[in-house]
Amino acid sequence: MDVQIEDSWKNILADEFSLPYFTQIKDFLLKEKSLWYTIYPSGSNIFAAFNETLFDDVKVVVLGQDPYHGSWQAHWLSFSVLDGIKQPPSLKNIFKELHDDCNIPIPRSGNLLPWAQQWVLLLNSFLTVRAGEPASHQKIWRERFTDAVIRLLSANKEGVIFVFWWAFAKGKEHLVDTSRHFVLKAAHPSPFSAHKGFLWCKHFSKINKLLEKQEKKPIDRSLG
């Protein structure tokens, strides 16, 4: 199957793209479109997160759930919105923690593309969602594809920092070889759970300390 994705990812994921479950995902999305459902993000952007952060360059992985399901909110990067879009509550809490942890001013824009361009893979567990229906595509993606991404990063790279910010994502630790990589876990930044361990987790400073320990360039998180 010819998937529109950056070449380094296309090569490493070639076996996944040839499996029956991936054809089922494609057929499901085409059927949704034929039934006039609005799907986020647009078809050309489903794999755009991989185009911004090349396989060989990945330093950090931040795993979200699925794209935002509200009008104009969905971006192809987890937790991110495009310029000019109101910041969702979870993203506001991310910026609050960033400020409290690193004393970085709260950004005006919720567009996290500058982080992706510094080799932070902002990945959703389910890459699509039906408008207005959170987790509506969970059953078809079944995390199988993104689980494969995590396994391949773990098997083929060294010193990647995997950041799991919600209960479901925290169950992904078994996919990571923790003798070669790092795992940071906390509650989801949603207002319903942020006070249960996301706020004050200090993951932003911990990530940069781990990068510096490996003599890698820290992430500049100022977004303007």
C-alpha atoms as a PDB file:
ATOM      1  CA  MET A   1       0.000   0.000   0.000  1.00  0.00           C
ATOM      2  CA  ASP A   2       1.346   3.428  -0.955  1.00  0.00           C
ATOM      3  CA  VAL A   3       1.004   5.549   2.192  1.00  0.00           C
ATOM      4  CA  GLN A   4       1.838   9.252   1.986  1.00  0.00           C
ATOM      5  CA  ILE A   5       4.442   9.447   4.720  1.00  0.00           C
ATOM      6  CA  GLU A   6       8.043  10.617   4.939  1.00  0.00           C
ATOM      7  CA  ASP A   7      10.537   8.141   3.469  1.00  0.00           C
ATOM      8  CA  SER A   8      12.405   7.184   6.659  1.00  0.00           C
ATOM      9  CA  TRP A   9       9.096   6.233   8.302  1.00  0.00           C
ATOM     10  CA  LYS A  10       7.834   4.543   5.142  1.00  0.00           C
ATOM     11  CA  ASN A  11      10.880   2.274   5.140  1.00  0.00           C
ATOM     12  CA  ILE A  12      10.746   1.346   8.830  1.00  0.00           C
ATOM     13  CA  LEU A  13       6.952   0.829   8.771  1.00  0.00           C
ATOM     14  CA  ALA A  14       6.758  -0.995   5.445  1.00  0.00           C
ATOM     15  CA  ASP A  15       5.739  -4.295   7.046  1.00  0.00           C
ATOM     16  CA  GLU A  16       2.876  -2.617   8.959  1.00  0.00           C
ATOM     17  CA  PHE A  17       1.514  -1.029   5.803  1.00  0.00           C
ATOM     18  CA  SER A  18       1.349  -4.464   4.159  1.00  0.00           C
ATOM     19  CA  LEU A  19      -0.676  -6.123   6.931  1.00  0.00           C
ATOM     20  CA  PRO A  20      -4.447  -6.778   6.572  1.00  0.00           C
ATOM     21  CA  TYR A  21      -5.397  -4.563   9.525  1.00  0.00           C
ATOM     22  CA  PHE A  22      -3.979  -1.528   7.753  1.00  0.00           C
ATOM     23  CA  THR A  23      -6.121  -2.187   4.681  1.00  0.00           C
ATOM     24  CA  GLN A  24      -9.107  -2.430   7.048  1.00  0.00           C
ATOM     25  CA  ILE A  25      -8.287   1.014   8.441  1.00  0.00           C
ATOM     26  CA  LYS A  26      -8.135   2.492   4.943  1.00  0.00           C
ATOM     27  CA  ASP A  27     -11.442   0.869   3.935  1.00  0.00           C
ATOM     28  CA  PHE A  28     -13.093   2.074   7.151  1.00  0.00           C
ATOM     29  CA  LEU A  29     -12.026   5.680   6.573  1.00  0.00           C
ATOM     30  CA  LEU A  30     -13.229   5.577   2.969  1.00  0.00           C
ATOM     31  CA  LYS A  31     -16.605   4.269   4.147  1.00  0.00           C
ATOM     32  CA  GLU A  32     -16.858   7.042   6.763  1.00  0.00           C
ATOM     33  CA  LYS A  33     -16.172   9.578   4.033  1.00  0.00           C
ATOM     34  CA  SER A  34     -18.779   8.009   1.726  1.00  0.00           C
ATOM     35  CA  LEU A  35     -21.337   8.375   4.526  1.00  0.00           C
ATOM     36  CA  TRP A  36     -20.512  12.107   4.723  1.00  0.00           C
ATOM     37  CA  TYR A  37     -18.962  12.009   8.160  1.00  0.00           C
ATOM     38  CA  THR A  38     -16.439  14.730   8.848  1.00  0.00           C
ATOM     39  CA  ILE A  39     -13.115  13.182   9.810  1.00  0.00           C
ATOM     40  CA  TYR A  40     -10.258  14.967  11.550  1.00  0.00           C
ATOM     41  CA  PRO A  41      -7.572  15.587  10.465  1.00  0.00           C
ATOM     42  CA  SER A  42      -7.939  15.712   6.689  1.00  0.00           C
ATOM     43  CA  GLY A  43      -6.743  12.685   4.767  1.00  0.00           C
ATOM     44  CA  SER A  44      -3.546  14.372   3.600  1.00  0.00           C
ATOM     45  CA  ASN A  45      -2.602  15.153   7.218  1.00  0.00           C
ATOM     46  CA  ILE A  46      -3.264  11.810   8.921  1.00  0.00           C
ATOM     47  CA  PHE A  47       0.449  10.983   8.932  1.00  0.00           C
ATOM     48  CA  ALA A  48       1.753  14.546   8.976  1.00  0.00           C
ATOM     49  CA  ALA A  49       3.264  14.204  12.465  1.00  0.00           C
ATOM     50  CA  PHE A  50       5.755  11.758  10.968  1.00  0.00           C
ATOM     51  CA  ASN A  51       6.657  14.215   8.220  1.00  0.00           C
ATOM     52  CA  GLU A  52       7.668  16.821  10.799  1.00  0.00           C
ATOM     53  CA  THR A  53       9.811  14.493  12.960  1.00  0.00           C
ATOM     54  CA  LEU A  54      11.949  12.057  10.999  1.00  0.00           C
ATOM     55  CA  PHE A  55      12.601   8.576  12.378  1.00  0.00           C
ATOM     56  CA  ASP A  56      16.357   8.963  12.732  1.00  0.00           C
ATOM     57  CA  ASP A  57      15.974  12.282  14.549  1.00  0.00           C
ATOM     58  CA  VAL A  58      13.358  11.397  17.201  1.00  0.00           C
ATOM     59  CA  LYS A  59      14.516  12.408  20.684  1.00  0.00           C
ATOM     60  CA  VAL A  60      11.203  12.543  22.575  1.00  0.00           C
ATOM     61  CA  VAL A  61       7.800  10.903  22.027  1.00  0.00           C
ATOM     62  CA  VAL A  62       4.667  12.439  23.577  1.00  0.00           C
ATOM     63  CA  LEU A  63       1.686  10.100  23.247  1.00  0.00           C
ATOM     64  CA  GLY A  64      -1.838  11.521  23.187  1.00  0.00           C
ATOM     65  CA  GLN A  65      -5.205   9.837  22.616  1.00  0.00           C
ATOM     66  CA  ASP A  66      -6.827  11.060  19.394  1.00  0.00           C
ATOM     67  CA  PRO A  67      -7.077  14.370  17.513  1.00  0.00           C
ATOM     68  CA  TYR A  68      -9.319  17.077  18.926  1.00  0.00           C
ATOM     69  CA  HIS A  69     -12.854  16.479  17.671  1.00  0.00           C
ATOM     70  CA  GLY A  70     -14.153  20.073  17.700  1.00  0.00           C
ATOM     71  CA  SER A  71     -14.500  22.271  14.623  1.00  0.00           C
ATOM     72  CA  TRP A  72     -11.148  23.704  13.504  1.00  0.00           C
ATOM     73  CA  GLN A  73      -9.389  22.239  16.561  1.00  0.00           C
ATOM     74  CA  ALA A  74      -7.833  19.115  15.079  1.00  0.00           C
ATOM     75  CA  HIS A  75      -4.152  19.246  14.312  1.00  0.00           C
ATOM     76  CA  TRP A  76      -1.985  16.327  13.236  1.00  0.00           C
ATOM     77  CA  LEU A  77       0.234  16.791  16.296  1.00  0.00           C
ATOM     78  CA  SER A  78      -0.948  15.490  19.677  1.00  0.00           C
ATOM     79  CA  PHE A  79      -2.266  18.186  22.046  1.00  0.00           C
ATOM     80  CA  SER A  80      -1.620  20.894  19.419  1.00  0.00           C
ATOM     81  CA  VAL A  81      -3.943  23.316  17.625  1.00  0.00           C
ATOM     82  CA  LEU A  82      -3.254  25.561  14.662  1.00  0.00           C
ATOM     83  CA  ASP A  83      -2.430  29.254  15.053  1.00  0.00           C
ATOM     84  CA  GLY A  84      -5.444  31.373  15.911  1.00  0.00           C
ATOM     85  CA  ILE A  85      -7.450  28.519  17.451  1.00  0.00           C
ATOM     86  CA  LYS A  86      -8.485  28.784  21.097  1.00  0.00           C
ATOM     87  CA  GLN A  87      -6.357  26.586  23.321  1.00  0.00           C
ATOM     88  CA  PRO A  88      -8.291  23.548  24.628  1.00  0.00           C
ATOM     89  CA  PRO A  89      -8.264  22.986  28.412  1.00  0.00           C
ATOM     90  CA  SER A  90      -5.684  20.171  28.270  1.00  0.00           C
ATOM     91  CA  LEU A  91      -3.283  22.341  26.336  1.00  0.00           C
ATOM     92  CA  LYS A  92      -3.803  25.188  28.791  1.00  0.00           C
ATOM     93  CA  ASN A  93      -2.742  22.854  31.602  1.00  0.00           C
ATOM     94  CA  ILE A  94       0.307  21.771  29.607  1.00  0.00           C
ATOM     95  CA  PHE A  95       1.320  25.408  29.291  1.00  0.00           C
ATOM     96  CA  LYS A  96       0.591  26.012  32.982  1.00  0.00           C
ATOM     97  CA  GLU A  97       2.927  23.165  33.929  1.00  0.00           C
ATOM     98  CA  LEU A  98       5.527  24.430  31.468  1.00  0.00           C
ATOM     99  CA  HIS A  99       5.395  27.853  33.121  1.00  0.00           C
ATOM    100  CA  ASP A 100       5.513  26.492  36.668  1.00  0.00           C
ATOM    101  CA  ASP A 101       8.303  24.040  35.855  1.00  0.00           C
ATOM    102  CA  CYS A 102      10.539  26.131  33.592  1.00  0.00           C
ATOM    103  CA  ASN A 103       9.314  29.706  34.125  1.00  0.00           C
ATOM    104  CA  ILE A 104       8.444  29.991  30.429  1.00  0.00           C
ATOM    105  CA  PRO A 105       5.713  32.548  29.627  1.00  0.00           C
ATOM    106  CA  ILE A 106       2.342  31.066  28.671  1.00  0.00           C
ATOM    107  CA  PRO A 107       2.386  30.959  24.840  1.00  0.00           C
ATOM    108  CA  ARG A 108      -0.213  32.884  22.877  1.00  0.00           C
ATOM    109  CA  SER A 109      -0.381  30.171  20.216  1.00  0.00           C
ATOM    110  CA  GLY A 110      -1.263  26.557  20.837  1.00  0.00           C
ATOM    111  CA  ASN A 111       0.633  25.392  17.755  1.00  0.00           C
ATOM    112  CA  LEU A 112       3.309  22.929  18.916  1.00  0.00           C
ATOM    113  CA  LEU A 113       4.977  22.617  15.521  1.00  0.00           C
ATOM    114  CA  PRO A 114       8.228  24.210  16.811  1.00  0.00           C
ATOM    115  CA  TRP A 115       8.536  21.327  19.278  1.00  0.00           C
ATOM    116  CA  ALA A 116       8.026  18.759  16.508  1.00  0.00           C
ATOM    117  CA  GLN A 117      10.726  20.478  14.478  1.00  0.00           C
ATOM    118  CA  GLN A 118      13.110  19.859  17.374  1.00  0.00           C
ATOM    119  CA  TRP A 119      12.501  16.113  17.051  1.00  0.00           C
ATOM    120  CA  VAL A 120       9.645  15.725  19.524  1.00  0.00           C
ATOM    121  CA  LEU A 121       7.226  13.210  17.985  1.00  0.00           C
ATOM    122  CA  LEU A 122       3.768  14.407  19.023  1.00  0.00           C
ATOM    123  CA  LEU A 123       1.848  11.216  18.356  1.00  0.00           C
ATOM    124  CA  ASN A 124      -1.789  10.272  18.877  1.00  0.00           C
ATOM    125  CA  SER A 125      -2.719   6.663  19.675  1.00  0.00           C
ATOM    126  CA  PHE A 126      -5.599   6.879  17.195  1.00  0.00           C
ATOM    127  CA  LEU A 127      -4.736   9.011  14.182  1.00  0.00           C
ATOM    128  CA  THR A 128      -8.280  10.008  13.213  1.00  0.00           C
ATOM    129  CA  VAL A 129     -11.580  10.915  14.853  1.00  0.00           C
ATOM    130  CA  ARG A 130     -15.145  11.601  13.716  1.00  0.00           C
ATOM    131  CA  ALA A 131     -16.176  15.215  14.287  1.00  0.00           C
ATOM    132  CA  GLY A 132     -17.816  15.698  17.679  1.00  0.00           C
ATOM    133  CA  GLU A 133     -17.232  12.097  18.780  1.00  0.00           C
ATOM    134  CA  PRO A 134     -14.080  11.569  20.868  1.00  0.00           C
ATOM    135  CA  ALA A 135     -12.471   8.120  20.579  1.00  0.00           C
ATOM    136  CA  SER A 136     -14.904   7.260  17.771  1.00  0.00           C
ATOM    137  CA  HIS A 137     -12.141   5.587  15.736  1.00  0.00           C
ATOM    138  CA  GLN A 138     -10.528   3.767  18.636  1.00  0.00           C
ATOM    139  CA  LYS A 139     -11.876   0.349  17.623  1.00  0.00           C
ATOM    140  CA  ILE A 140     -10.545   0.511  14.069  1.00  0.00           C
ATOM    141  CA  TRP A 141      -7.063   1.772  14.970  1.00  0.00           C
ATOM    142  CA  ARG A 142      -6.918  -0.340  18.162  1.00  0.00           C
ATOM    143  CA  GLU A 143      -3.531   1.275  18.899  1.00  0.00           C
ATOM    144  CA  ARG A 144      -1.936  -1.422  16.738  1.00  0.00           C
ATOM    145  CA  PHE A 145      -0.240   1.014  14.388  1.00  0.00           C
ATOM    146  CA  THR A 146       1.084   3.370  17.052  1.00  0.00           C
ATOM    147  CA  ASP A 147       2.142   0.417  19.210  1.00  0.00           C
ATOM    148  CA  ALA A 148       4.281  -0.658  16.255  1.00  0.00           C
ATOM    149  CA  VAL A 149       5.775   2.830  16.042  1.00  0.00           C
ATOM    150  CA  ILE A 150       6.777   2.694  19.722  1.00  0.00           C
ATOM    151  CA  ARG A 151       8.243  -0.806  19.384  1.00  0.00           C
ATOM    152  CA  LEU A 152      10.283   0.159  16.314  1.00  0.00           C
ATOM    153  CA  LEU A 153      11.646   3.273  17.979  1.00  0.00           C
ATOM    154  CA  SER A 154      12.557   1.230  21.035  1.00  0.00           C
ATOM    155  CA  ALA A 155      14.263  -1.486  18.993  1.00  0.00           C
ATOM    156  CA  ASN A 156      16.165   0.731  16.573  1.00  0.00           C
ATOM    157  CA  LYS A 157      17.201   3.789  18.586  1.00  0.00           C
ATOM    158  CA  GLU A 158      18.931   4.675  21.856  1.00  0.00           C
ATOM    159  CA  GLY A 159      18.017   7.125  24.599  1.00  0.00           C
ATOM    160  CA  VAL A 160      14.552   8.160  23.416  1.00  0.00           C
ATOM    161  CA  ILE A 161      12.364   9.749  26.107  1.00  0.00           C
ATOM    162  CA  PHE A 162       8.816   8.361  25.997  1.00  0.00           C
ATOM    163  CA  VAL A 163       6.245  10.595  27.713  1.00  0.00           C
ATOM    164  CA  PHE A 164       2.928   8.990  28.681  1.00  0.00           C
ATOM    165  CA  TRP A 165       0.416  11.479  30.093  1.00  0.00           C
ATOM    166  CA  TRP A 166      -2.766   9.472  30.561  1.00  0.00           C
ATOM    167  CA  ALA A 167      -3.809   6.220  32.178  1.00  0.00           C
ATOM    168  CA  PHE A 168      -4.212   4.363  28.907  1.00  0.00           C
ATOM    169  CA  ALA A 169      -0.874   5.615  27.553  1.00  0.00           C
ATOM    170  CA  LYS A 170       0.915   4.623  30.746  1.00  0.00           C
ATOM    171  CA  GLY A 171       0.107   1.020  29.846  1.00  0.00           C
ATOM    172  CA  LYS A 172       2.460   1.367  26.875  1.00  0.00           C
ATOM    173  CA  GLU A 173       5.582   1.130  29.013  1.00  0.00           C
ATOM    174  CA  HIS A 174       5.913  -2.582  28.225  1.00  0.00           C
ATOM    175  CA  LEU A 175       6.578  -1.643  24.586  1.00  0.00           C
ATOM    176  CA  VAL A 176       9.739   0.228  25.561  1.00  0.00           C
ATOM    177  CA  ASP A 177      13.105  -1.308  26.406  1.00  0.00           C
ATOM    178  CA  THR A 178      13.757   0.709  29.547  1.00  0.00           C
ATOM    179  CA  SER A 179      17.359  -0.466  29.672  1.00  0.00           C
ATOM    180  CA  ARG A 180      17.978   1.655  26.563  1.00  0.00           C
ATOM    181  CA  HIS A 181      15.337   4.372  26.835  1.00  0.00           C
ATOM    182  CA  PHE A 182      13.529   6.571  29.367  1.00  0.00           C
ATOM    183  CA  VAL A 183       9.847   6.614  30.332  1.00  0.00           C
ATOM    184  CA  LEU A 184       8.075   9.494  32.080  1.00  0.00           C
ATOM    185  CA  LYS A 185       4.489   8.939  33.266  1.00  0.00           C
ATOM    186  CA  ALA A 186       1.841  11.263  34.678  1.00  0.00           C
ATOM    187  CA  ALA A 187      -1.899  11.849  34.678  1.00  0.00           C
ATOM    188  CA  HIS A 188      -3.615  13.362  31.655  1.00  0.00           C
ATOM    189  CA  PRO A 189      -3.485  17.181  31.493  1.00  0.00           C
ATOM    190  CA  SER A 190      -7.282  17.339  31.193  1.00  0.00           C
ATOM    191  CA  PRO A 191      -9.010  19.451  33.895  1.00  0.00           C
ATOM    192  CA  PHE A 192     -10.608  16.199  35.098  1.00  0.00           C
ATOM    193  CA  SER A 193      -7.264  14.614  35.990  1.00  0.00           C
ATOM    194  CA  ALA A 194      -4.443  17.161  35.835  1.00  0.00           C
ATOM    195  CA  HIS A 195      -4.484  17.630  39.621  1.00  0.00           C
ATOM    196  CA  LYS A 196      -3.931  13.880  40.068  1.00  0.00           C
ATOM    197  CA  GLY A 197      -0.315  14.013  39.015  1.00  0.00           C
ATOM    198  CA  PHE A 198       0.162  16.008  35.838  1.00  0.00           C
ATOM    199  CA  LEU A 199       0.521  19.411  37.464  1.00  0.00           C
ATOM    200  CA  TRP A 200       3.874  19.611  39.260  1.00  0.00           C
ATOM    201  CA  CYS A 201       5.221  16.511  37.451  1.00  0.00           C
ATOM    202  CA  LYS A 202       8.133  18.657  36.163  1.00  0.00           C
ATOM    203  CA  HIS A 203       8.431  16.580  33.016  1.00  0.00           C
ATOM    204  CA  PHE A 204       9.616  19.488  30.903  1.00  0.00           C
ATOM    205  CA  SER A 205      12.723  20.095  32.991  1.00  0.00           C
ATOM    206  CA  LYS A 206      13.280  16.347  33.403  1.00  0.00           C
ATOM    207  CA  ILE A 207      13.226  15.862  29.630  1.00  0.00           C
ATOM    208  CA  ASN A 208      15.892  18.486  29.065  1.00  0.00           C
ATOM    209  CA  LYS A 209      18.056  17.128  31.871  1.00  0.00           C
ATOM    210  CA  LEU A 210      17.891  13.669  30.298  1.00  0.00           C
ATOM    211  CA  LEU A 211      18.798  15.105  26.895  1.00  0.00           C
ATOM    212  CA  GLU A 212      21.712  17.045  28.325  1.00  0.00           C
ATOM    213  CA  LYS A 213      22.920  13.915  30.140  1.00  0.00           C
ATOM    214  CA  GLN A 214      23.117  12.263  26.717  1.00  0.00           C
ATOM    215  CA  GLU A 215      24.890  15.313  25.267  1.00  0.00           C
ATOM    216  CA  LYS A 216      21.852  16.080  23.110  1.00  0.00           C
ATOM    217  CA  LYS A 217      20.501  19.566  22.517  1.00  0.00           C
ATOM    218  CA  PRO A 218      17.671  20.423  24.948  1.00  0.00           C
ATOM    219  CA  ILE A 219      14.237  21.407  23.652  1.00  0.00           C
ATOM    220  CA  ASP A 220      13.503  25.123  23.358  1.00  0.00           C
ATOM    221  CA  ARG A 221       9.807  25.272  24.297  1.00  0.00           C
ATOM    222  CA  SER A 222       9.209  28.988  23.877  1.00  0.00           C
ATOM    223  CA  LEU A 223       6.410  29.391  21.307  1.00  0.00           C
ATOM    224  CA  GLY A 224       5.941  33.141  21.381  1.00  0.00           C
END
